[in-house]
Structures are given as structure tokens and as C-alpha cells.
């Protein structure tokens, strides 16, 4: 199976209610409670914030329906907030509905090149070819040519 790096959209970042377990040099942020604060209206179904990811309920359902089951990811609750005034001013091309909807914390637990989702906490997100197919066929991914690049274990070591 082929694997790809995925550079998710960053429409926000860590919110003030994020709780960190500790800061270590080998893991920049171990998060116990993830609060994602949107600064811009999200267009993609998968969003990032330095080594942590969130996704829409729609994406979670699609991943959970995959057969065989998707590997290397766990889902958890995430606290979401955003600037309502900013959202009223922007054109909502990718997500035209008026509410942000339900989002989940996508905890990456897998190994890059083995699982559907992988990457150490300080590495790029690596996804399998079947996840790429799902994203491109059923989810919102703006400018996939920029965000999805072929991955190899050799290129990850350099």
C-alpha cells in the first residue's frame, strides 16, 4: 500500500482551555484536554494544530465505516470555539452551513507506513492510500495537490 503525507489546513490553534500534561524536548505538547479555537472559517474536514488534529463528525463516521477498520487513530472529544464576528464576515466556500457542527479530536496512534494514520508526535501526518481516496471522494479537501504528497520511509529520515 502507498502512503502520503498530509498537511492539514490550520484554521485555528490551541485555545486557552487546552490542558497540557507537560512539556518535554522529545514531545512538544502532550495534551490532556484539547481546546481548538478557530480563527478562520474551516474549509477542510480535517484541521491541524502543531501535531494534533481535529475532524468533522462526517469524516469520523466515514472513517469508522471503512472496511477493514481504519488503523492508527482514536477519536475523542474536543472543545471548539471561534470568533462569531469573523465568521459572519467570511465567505464560507467549503462549509456553507451556519454552524461549525460537531468536531472530534483525531488522536494519531499509528506508525507511519504501517497504519492508515501514523507519525510520531514531532513528525508529519502520514495517511494510507485508502484514506486519501476517502478524503478526495467524500470529504472537503481544498487544494489536495498541495496538501497530499507521496511519502516514503527513506524521505522521512532525511
N, C-alpha and C. Protein backbone atom coordinates (compact mmCIF):
# COMPACT_ATOMS: atom_id res chain seq x y z
N UNK A 1 0.85 -1.18 0.00
CA UNK A 1 0.00 0.00 0.00
C UNK A 1 0.89 1.24 0.00
N UNK A 2 0.44 2.26 -0.66
CA UNK A 2 1.17 3.53 -0.73
C UNK A 2 0.71 4.43 0.41
N UNK A 3 1.63 5.31 0.80
CA UNK A 3 1.36 6.25 1.89
C UNK A 3 1.70 7.66 1.45
N UNK A 4 1.05 8.63 2.12
CA UNK A 4 1.17 10.04 1.74
C UNK A 4 1.28 10.90 2.99
N UNK A 5 2.04 11.98 2.89
CA UNK A 5 1.99 12.98 3.96
C UNK A 5 0.79 13.86 3.68
N UNK A 6 0.18 14.31 4.74
CA UNK A 6 -0.99 15.19 4.61
C UNK A 6 -0.74 16.43 5.45
N UNK A 7 -0.77 17.57 4.83
CA UNK A 7 -0.61 18.85 5.52
C UNK A 7 -1.99 19.46 5.70
N UNK A 8 -2.61 19.25 6.85
CA UNK A 8 -3.98 19.74 7.02
C UNK A 8 -4.03 21.26 7.08
N UNK A 9 -5.20 21.76 6.85
CA UNK A 9 -5.48 23.19 6.99
C UNK A 9 -5.36 23.55 8.47
N UNK A 10 -4.86 24.73 8.74
CA UNK A 10 -4.78 25.25 10.10
C UNK A 10 -5.66 26.50 10.16
N UNK A 11 -6.93 26.30 10.48
CA UNK A 11 -7.85 27.43 10.58
C UNK A 11 -7.90 28.00 11.99
N UNK A 12 -7.07 27.47 12.85
CA UNK A 12 -7.03 27.91 14.23
C UNK A 12 -5.85 27.28 14.93
N UNK A 13 -6.00 27.11 16.23
CA UNK A 13 -4.92 26.52 17.00
C UNK A 13 -5.37 26.24 18.42
N UNK A 14 -4.40 25.99 19.27
CA UNK A 14 -4.70 25.67 20.66
C UNK A 14 -5.43 26.83 21.33
N UNK A 15 -6.55 26.51 21.95
CA UNK A 15 -7.31 27.50 22.69
C UNK A 15 -6.82 27.61 24.12
N UNK A 16 -7.27 28.64 24.81
CA UNK A 16 -6.79 28.90 26.17
C UNK A 16 -7.17 27.81 27.17
N UNK A 17 -8.17 26.98 26.85
CA UNK A 17 -8.58 25.91 27.76
C UNK A 17 -7.84 24.60 27.53
N UNK A 18 -6.90 24.57 26.60
CA UNK A 18 -6.10 23.36 26.39
C UNK A 18 -5.29 23.10 27.65
N UNK A 19 -5.32 21.83 28.08
CA UNK A 19 -4.57 21.43 29.27
C UNK A 19 -3.42 20.54 28.84
N UNK A 20 -2.21 20.95 29.19
CA UNK A 20 -1.01 20.21 28.84
C UNK A 20 -0.59 19.35 30.02
N UNK A 21 -0.16 18.12 29.74
CA UNK A 21 0.33 17.23 30.78
C UNK A 21 1.73 17.66 31.18
N UNK A 22 2.52 18.05 30.22
CA UNK A 22 3.88 18.50 30.49
C UNK A 22 4.56 18.83 29.19
N UNK A 23 5.62 19.54 29.27
CA UNK A 23 6.40 19.88 28.08
C UNK A 23 7.76 19.21 28.20
N UNK A 24 8.10 18.42 27.18
CA UNK A 24 9.39 17.75 27.13
C UNK A 24 10.04 18.05 25.79
N UNK A 25 11.34 17.93 25.73
CA UNK A 25 12.03 18.21 24.47
C UNK A 25 11.69 17.19 23.39
N UNK A 26 11.34 15.95 23.78
CA UNK A 26 11.04 14.94 22.78
C UNK A 26 9.57 14.91 22.37
N UNK A 27 8.74 15.69 22.99
CA UNK A 27 7.32 15.78 22.64
C UNK A 27 6.85 17.17 23.00
N UNK A 28 6.67 18.03 22.00
CA UNK A 28 6.43 19.45 22.28
C UNK A 28 5.17 19.75 23.07
N UNK A 29 4.17 18.91 22.96
CA UNK A 29 2.96 19.21 23.72
C UNK A 29 2.14 17.94 23.90
N UNK A 30 2.13 17.46 25.11
CA UNK A 30 1.27 16.34 25.46
C UNK A 30 0.01 16.95 26.04
N UNK A 31 -1.09 16.71 25.35
CA UNK A 31 -2.34 17.38 25.68
C UNK A 31 -3.29 16.42 26.39
N UNK A 32 -3.85 16.90 27.49
CA UNK A 32 -4.83 16.13 28.24
C UNK A 32 -6.25 16.54 27.84
N UNK A 33 -6.46 17.82 27.64
CA UNK A 33 -7.75 18.36 27.19
C UNK A 33 -7.44 19.29 26.03
N UNK A 34 -8.06 19.01 24.88
CA UNK A 34 -7.76 19.78 23.66
C UNK A 34 -8.88 20.77 23.41
N UNK A 35 -8.51 22.04 23.39
CA UNK A 35 -9.42 23.12 23.04
C UNK A 35 -8.89 23.72 21.74
N UNK A 36 -9.68 23.62 20.67
CA UNK A 36 -9.29 24.16 19.37
C UNK A 36 -10.09 25.42 19.14
N UNK A 37 -9.40 26.53 18.96
CA UNK A 37 -10.05 27.80 18.70
C UNK A 37 -9.87 28.18 17.24
N UNK A 38 -10.98 28.26 16.53
CA UNK A 38 -10.94 28.64 15.12
C UNK A 38 -10.71 30.15 15.01
N UNK A 39 -9.78 30.52 14.12
CA UNK A 39 -9.53 31.92 13.80
C UNK A 39 -10.12 32.27 12.43
N UNK A 40 -10.28 31.26 11.60
CA UNK A 40 -10.83 31.41 10.25
C UNK A 40 -11.86 30.32 10.05
N UNK A 41 -12.77 30.57 9.13
CA UNK A 41 -13.79 29.57 8.83
C UNK A 41 -13.13 28.35 8.18
N UNK A 42 -13.32 27.15 8.74
CA UNK A 42 -12.66 25.95 8.20
C UNK A 42 -13.29 25.50 6.89
N UNK A 43 -12.45 25.19 5.92
CA UNK A 43 -12.95 24.67 4.66
C UNK A 43 -12.81 23.16 4.58
N UNK A 44 -11.74 22.61 5.17
CA UNK A 44 -11.49 21.17 5.09
C UNK A 44 -12.10 20.44 6.28
N UNK A 45 -12.38 19.14 6.07
CA UNK A 45 -12.93 18.30 7.13
C UNK A 45 -11.89 17.86 8.14
N UNK A 46 -10.61 18.04 7.83
CA UNK A 46 -9.52 17.70 8.75
C UNK A 46 -8.70 18.96 8.98
N UNK A 47 -8.50 19.31 10.24
CA UNK A 47 -7.77 20.51 10.62
C UNK A 47 -6.61 20.13 11.53
N UNK A 48 -5.60 20.97 11.57
CA UNK A 48 -4.45 20.69 12.40
C UNK A 48 -4.10 21.82 13.34
N UNK A 49 -3.30 21.46 14.34
CA UNK A 49 -2.68 22.41 15.25
C UNK A 49 -1.44 21.71 15.78
N UNK A 50 -0.28 22.13 15.38
CA UNK A 50 1.00 21.53 15.69
C UNK A 50 0.93 20.15 16.35
N UNK A 51 0.94 19.13 15.53
CA UNK A 51 0.97 17.72 15.93
C UNK A 51 -0.31 17.20 16.57
N UNK A 52 -1.38 17.95 16.49
CA UNK A 52 -2.69 17.49 16.94
C UNK A 52 -3.70 17.81 15.85
N UNK A 53 -4.74 16.99 15.77
CA UNK A 53 -5.68 17.10 14.65
C UNK A 53 -7.11 16.97 15.13
N UNK A 54 -8.00 17.65 14.40
CA UNK A 54 -9.43 17.50 14.64
C UNK A 54 -10.10 17.24 13.29
N UNK A 55 -11.27 16.62 13.36
CA UNK A 55 -12.02 16.35 12.15
C UNK A 55 -13.50 16.45 12.40
N UNK A 56 -14.24 16.61 11.34
CA UNK A 56 -15.69 16.73 11.44
C UNK A 56 -16.32 15.40 11.82
N UNK A 57 -17.55 15.48 12.33
CA UNK A 57 -18.32 14.27 12.60
C UNK A 57 -18.54 13.46 11.33
N UNK A 58 -18.72 14.14 10.23
CA UNK A 58 -18.90 13.48 8.93
C UNK A 58 -17.67 12.65 8.57
N UNK A 59 -16.47 13.20 8.78
CA UNK A 59 -15.25 12.46 8.49
C UNK A 59 -15.09 11.29 9.46
N UNK A 60 -15.38 11.51 10.72
CA UNK A 60 -15.27 10.41 11.69
C UNK A 60 -16.18 9.25 11.28
N UNK A 61 -17.42 9.54 10.92
CA UNK A 61 -18.36 8.49 10.52
C UNK A 61 -17.85 7.74 9.29
N UNK A 62 -17.31 8.46 8.32
CA UNK A 62 -16.80 7.81 7.12
C UNK A 62 -15.61 6.91 7.44
N UNK A 63 -14.73 7.36 8.33
CA UNK A 63 -13.58 6.54 8.72
C UNK A 63 -14.03 5.30 9.48
N UNK A 64 -15.00 5.46 10.36
CA UNK A 64 -15.49 4.32 11.15
C UNK A 64 -16.22 3.30 10.29
N UNK A 65 -16.73 3.71 9.14
CA UNK A 65 -17.44 2.80 8.25
C UNK A 65 -16.50 2.02 7.32
N UNK A 66 -15.22 2.38 7.29
CA UNK A 66 -14.28 1.72 6.39
C UNK A 66 -14.09 0.26 6.77
N UNK A 67 -13.98 -0.57 5.75
CA UNK A 67 -13.70 -1.99 5.94
C UNK A 67 -12.51 -2.39 5.09
N UNK A 68 -11.50 -3.04 5.63
CA UNK A 68 -11.33 -3.33 7.05
C UNK A 68 -11.22 -2.04 7.85
N UNK A 69 -11.41 -2.15 9.17
CA UNK A 69 -11.41 -0.94 10.01
C UNK A 69 -10.12 -0.13 9.88
N UNK A 70 -10.28 1.17 9.95
CA UNK A 70 -9.14 2.09 9.88
C UNK A 70 -8.25 1.87 11.11
N UNK A 71 -6.94 2.01 10.91
CA UNK A 71 -5.99 1.79 12.00
C UNK A 71 -5.19 3.06 12.27
N UNK A 72 -4.65 3.14 13.49
CA UNK A 72 -3.75 4.23 13.85
C UNK A 72 -4.42 5.52 14.28
N UNK A 73 -5.70 5.44 14.63
CA UNK A 73 -6.41 6.66 15.04
C UNK A 73 -7.44 6.32 16.12
N UNK A 74 -7.58 7.21 17.07
CA UNK A 74 -8.63 7.13 18.08
C UNK A 74 -9.36 8.46 18.06
N UNK A 75 -10.62 8.42 18.45
CA UNK A 75 -11.44 9.64 18.45
C UNK A 75 -11.77 10.01 19.89
N UNK A 76 -11.76 11.31 20.16
CA UNK A 76 -12.07 11.80 21.50
C UNK A 76 -12.78 13.14 21.35
N UNK A 77 -13.29 13.61 22.44
CA UNK A 77 -13.96 14.91 22.45
C UNK A 77 -12.94 16.03 22.34
N UNK A 78 -13.35 17.12 21.70
CA UNK A 78 -12.52 18.32 21.61
C UNK A 78 -13.43 19.51 21.90
N UNK A 79 -12.91 20.46 22.61
CA UNK A 79 -13.65 21.71 22.87
C UNK A 79 -13.40 22.64 21.68
N UNK A 80 -14.46 23.17 21.13
CA UNK A 80 -14.37 24.03 19.94
C UNK A 80 -14.88 25.44 20.29
N UNK A 81 -14.18 26.45 19.79
CA UNK A 81 -14.67 27.81 19.90
C UNK A 81 -14.20 28.57 18.67
N UNK A 82 -14.77 29.75 18.49
CA UNK A 82 -14.39 30.56 17.34
C UNK A 82 -14.97 31.95 17.44
N UNK A 83 -14.50 32.81 16.59
CA UNK A 83 -14.90 34.20 16.58
C UNK A 83 -16.15 34.36 15.69
N UNK A 84 -17.32 34.43 16.33
CA UNK A 84 -18.57 34.54 15.58
C UNK A 84 -18.59 35.78 14.67
N UNK A 85 -18.00 36.86 15.12
CA UNK A 85 -17.98 38.07 14.29
C UNK A 85 -17.15 37.85 13.02
N UNK A 86 -16.02 37.17 13.16
CA UNK A 86 -15.20 36.86 11.99
C UNK A 86 -15.97 35.94 11.05
N UNK A 87 -16.65 34.96 11.59
CA UNK A 87 -17.38 34.00 10.76
C UNK A 87 -18.50 34.67 9.98
N UNK A 88 -19.08 35.73 10.52
CA UNK A 88 -20.15 36.44 9.82
C UNK A 88 -19.62 37.21 8.61
N UNK A 89 -18.33 37.54 8.61
CA UNK A 89 -17.74 38.34 7.53
C UNK A 89 -17.13 37.52 6.41
N UNK A 90 -16.89 36.24 6.63
CA UNK A 90 -16.16 35.46 5.63
C UNK A 90 -17.08 34.67 4.72
N UNK A 91 -16.59 34.42 3.54
CA UNK A 91 -17.32 33.59 2.59
C UNK A 91 -17.03 32.14 2.94
N UNK A 92 -18.05 31.36 3.16
CA UNK A 92 -17.90 30.00 3.65
C UNK A 92 -17.94 29.00 2.51
N UNK A 93 -16.96 29.08 1.64
CA UNK A 93 -16.95 28.26 0.43
C UNK A 93 -17.02 26.77 0.73
N UNK A 94 -16.14 26.28 1.59
CA UNK A 94 -16.07 24.85 1.83
C UNK A 94 -17.12 24.32 2.78
N UNK A 95 -17.64 25.15 3.65
CA UNK A 95 -18.58 24.71 4.67
C UNK A 95 -19.64 25.81 4.83
N UNK A 96 -20.59 25.85 3.92
CA UNK A 96 -21.52 26.98 3.89
C UNK A 96 -22.56 27.01 5.01
N UNK A 97 -22.76 25.90 5.71
CA UNK A 97 -23.77 25.92 6.77
C UNK A 97 -23.39 26.94 7.84
N UNK A 98 -24.36 27.34 8.62
CA UNK A 98 -24.14 28.45 9.53
C UNK A 98 -23.41 28.06 10.82
N UNK A 99 -23.36 26.79 11.15
CA UNK A 99 -22.71 26.37 12.39
C UNK A 99 -21.45 25.56 12.07
N UNK A 100 -20.53 25.55 13.00
CA UNK A 100 -19.32 24.77 12.83
C UNK A 100 -19.62 23.27 12.80
N UNK A 101 -20.67 22.86 13.48
CA UNK A 101 -21.01 21.44 13.55
C UNK A 101 -20.16 20.73 14.58
N UNK A 102 -20.28 19.42 14.62
CA UNK A 102 -19.57 18.60 15.60
C UNK A 102 -18.18 18.23 15.08
N UNK A 103 -17.19 18.42 15.91
CA UNK A 103 -15.80 18.10 15.60
C UNK A 103 -15.28 17.15 16.67
N UNK A 104 -14.27 16.35 16.29
CA UNK A 104 -13.65 15.40 17.21
C UNK A 104 -12.14 15.54 17.16
N UNK A 105 -11.52 15.19 18.26
CA UNK A 105 -10.08 15.12 18.36
C UNK A 105 -9.66 13.82 17.68
N UNK A 106 -8.82 13.91 16.67
CA UNK A 106 -8.31 12.74 15.96
C UNK A 106 -6.92 12.44 16.53
N UNK A 107 -6.84 11.52 17.46
CA UNK A 107 -5.59 11.16 18.12
C UNK A 107 -4.84 10.14 17.25
N UNK A 108 -3.68 10.50 16.81
CA UNK A 108 -2.89 9.63 15.95
C UNK A 108 -2.08 8.69 16.82
N UNK A 109 -2.33 7.39 16.66
CA UNK A 109 -1.68 6.37 17.48
C UNK A 109 -0.84 5.40 16.65
N UNK A 110 -0.91 5.51 15.34
CA UNK A 110 -0.28 4.52 14.47
C UNK A 110 1.13 4.86 14.06
N UNK A 111 1.73 3.91 13.38
CA UNK A 111 3.08 4.06 12.85
C UNK A 111 3.01 4.41 11.37
N UNK A 112 3.75 5.43 10.97
CA UNK A 112 3.81 5.84 9.57
C UNK A 112 4.31 4.69 8.71
N UNK A 113 3.60 4.44 7.60
CA UNK A 113 4.00 3.39 6.69
C UNK A 113 3.44 2.03 7.04
N UNK A 114 2.76 1.93 8.15
CA UNK A 114 2.14 0.66 8.55
C UNK A 114 0.63 0.81 8.74
N UNK A 115 0.22 1.88 9.45
CA UNK A 115 -1.19 2.10 9.77
C UNK A 115 -1.80 3.14 8.83
N UNK A 116 -3.13 3.20 8.82
CA UNK A 116 -3.83 4.18 7.99
C UNK A 116 -3.48 5.61 8.40
N UNK A 117 -3.25 5.83 9.68
CA UNK A 117 -2.80 7.12 10.20
C UNK A 117 -1.54 6.86 11.01
N UNK A 118 -0.51 7.65 10.78
CA UNK A 118 0.73 7.46 11.52
C UNK A 118 1.57 8.71 11.56
N UNK A 119 2.61 8.61 12.34
CA UNK A 119 3.53 9.73 12.51
C UNK A 119 3.77 9.98 13.98
N UNK A 120 5.01 10.04 14.34
CA UNK A 120 5.36 10.36 15.73
C UNK A 120 4.90 11.78 16.04
N UNK A 121 4.82 12.13 17.32
CA UNK A 121 4.32 13.45 17.69
C UNK A 121 5.04 14.63 17.07
N UNK A 122 6.30 14.45 16.65
CA UNK A 122 7.03 15.56 16.06
C UNK A 122 7.24 15.38 14.56
N UNK A 123 6.47 14.49 13.95
CA UNK A 123 6.60 14.20 12.52
C UNK A 123 5.34 14.62 11.77
N UNK A 124 5.46 14.62 10.46
CA UNK A 124 4.30 14.90 9.62
C UNK A 124 3.26 13.80 9.76
N UNK A 125 2.01 14.15 9.51
CA UNK A 125 0.92 13.18 9.48
C UNK A 125 1.05 12.36 8.21
N UNK A 126 1.06 11.04 8.34
CA UNK A 126 1.15 10.13 7.21
C UNK A 126 -0.14 9.32 7.15
N UNK A 127 -0.77 9.30 5.96
CA UNK A 127 -2.02 8.57 5.79
C UNK A 127 -1.89 7.56 4.65
N UNK A 128 -2.71 6.53 4.74
CA UNK A 128 -2.67 5.48 3.72
C UNK A 128 -3.41 5.91 2.46
N UNK A 129 -3.15 5.17 1.40
CA UNK A 129 -3.80 5.43 0.12
C UNK A 129 -5.32 5.34 0.23
N UNK A 130 -5.82 4.41 1.03
CA UNK A 130 -7.28 4.28 1.14
C UNK A 130 -7.90 5.47 1.89
N UNK A 131 -7.17 6.08 2.81
CA UNK A 131 -7.66 7.29 3.47
C UNK A 131 -7.63 8.45 2.49
N UNK A 132 -6.59 8.54 1.68
CA UNK A 132 -6.52 9.57 0.64
C UNK A 132 -7.74 9.46 -0.28
N UNK A 133 -8.05 8.24 -0.71
CA UNK A 133 -9.21 8.02 -1.59
C UNK A 133 -10.49 8.50 -0.93
N UNK A 134 -10.66 8.18 0.34
CA UNK A 134 -11.85 8.63 1.08
C UNK A 134 -11.90 10.16 1.13
N UNK A 135 -10.78 10.79 1.46
CA UNK A 135 -10.75 12.25 1.56
C UNK A 135 -11.10 12.91 0.23
N UNK A 136 -10.54 12.38 -0.84
CA UNK A 136 -10.76 13.01 -2.14
C UNK A 136 -12.14 12.71 -2.72
N UNK A 137 -12.72 11.58 -2.37
CA UNK A 137 -14.03 11.20 -2.91
C UNK A 137 -15.21 11.74 -2.11
N UNK A 138 -15.06 11.84 -0.79
CA UNK A 138 -16.24 12.13 0.04
C UNK A 138 -16.10 13.32 0.98
N UNK A 139 -14.91 13.87 1.13
CA UNK A 139 -14.70 14.93 2.10
C UNK A 139 -14.30 16.21 1.39
N UNK A 140 -14.28 17.29 2.15
CA UNK A 140 -13.82 18.56 1.62
C UNK A 140 -12.33 18.69 1.87
N UNK A 141 -11.56 18.76 0.79
CA UNK A 141 -10.12 19.00 0.85
C UNK A 141 -9.82 20.04 -0.23
N UNK A 142 -9.55 21.25 0.20
CA UNK A 142 -9.24 22.33 -0.73
C UNK A 142 -7.76 22.20 -1.12
N UNK A 143 -7.49 22.25 -2.42
CA UNK A 143 -6.13 22.18 -2.96
C UNK A 143 -5.38 20.92 -2.53
N UNK A 144 -5.90 19.72 -2.86
CA UNK A 144 -5.23 18.48 -2.44
C UNK A 144 -3.83 18.30 -3.00
N UNK A 145 -3.52 18.85 -4.16
CA UNK A 145 -2.18 18.70 -4.73
C UNK A 145 -1.11 19.31 -3.83
N UNK A 146 -1.46 20.34 -3.09
CA UNK A 146 -0.53 20.98 -2.16
C UNK A 146 -0.47 20.23 -0.83
N UNK A 147 -1.57 19.64 -0.42
CA UNK A 147 -1.65 19.05 0.91
C UNK A 147 -1.27 17.58 0.98
N UNK A 148 -1.38 16.87 -0.13
CA UNK A 148 -1.14 15.43 -0.14
C UNK A 148 0.05 15.13 -1.05
N UNK A 149 1.13 14.62 -0.45
CA UNK A 149 2.35 14.30 -1.18
C UNK A 149 2.76 12.86 -0.88
N UNK A 150 3.28 12.16 -1.88
CA UNK A 150 3.71 10.79 -1.65
C UNK A 150 4.79 10.75 -0.57
N UNK A 151 4.73 9.72 0.28
CA UNK A 151 5.64 9.55 1.40
C UNK A 151 6.42 8.26 1.23
N UNK A 152 7.66 8.28 1.66
CA UNK A 152 8.43 7.04 1.74
C UNK A 152 9.25 7.10 3.01
N UNK A 153 9.54 5.94 3.58
CA UNK A 153 10.32 5.88 4.82
C UNK A 153 11.70 6.52 4.62
N UNK A 154 12.27 6.39 3.42
CA UNK A 154 13.58 6.96 3.16
C UNK A 154 13.53 8.49 3.21
N UNK A 155 12.49 9.07 2.63
CA UNK A 155 12.39 10.53 2.62
C UNK A 155 12.12 11.08 4.02
N UNK A 156 11.52 10.28 4.88
CA UNK A 156 11.23 10.73 6.24
C UNK A 156 12.50 10.80 7.08
N UNK A 157 13.53 10.03 6.72
CA UNK A 157 14.77 10.01 7.51
C UNK A 157 15.73 11.14 7.16
N UNK A 158 15.50 11.79 6.04
CA UNK A 158 16.45 12.83 5.61
C UNK A 158 16.06 14.18 6.13
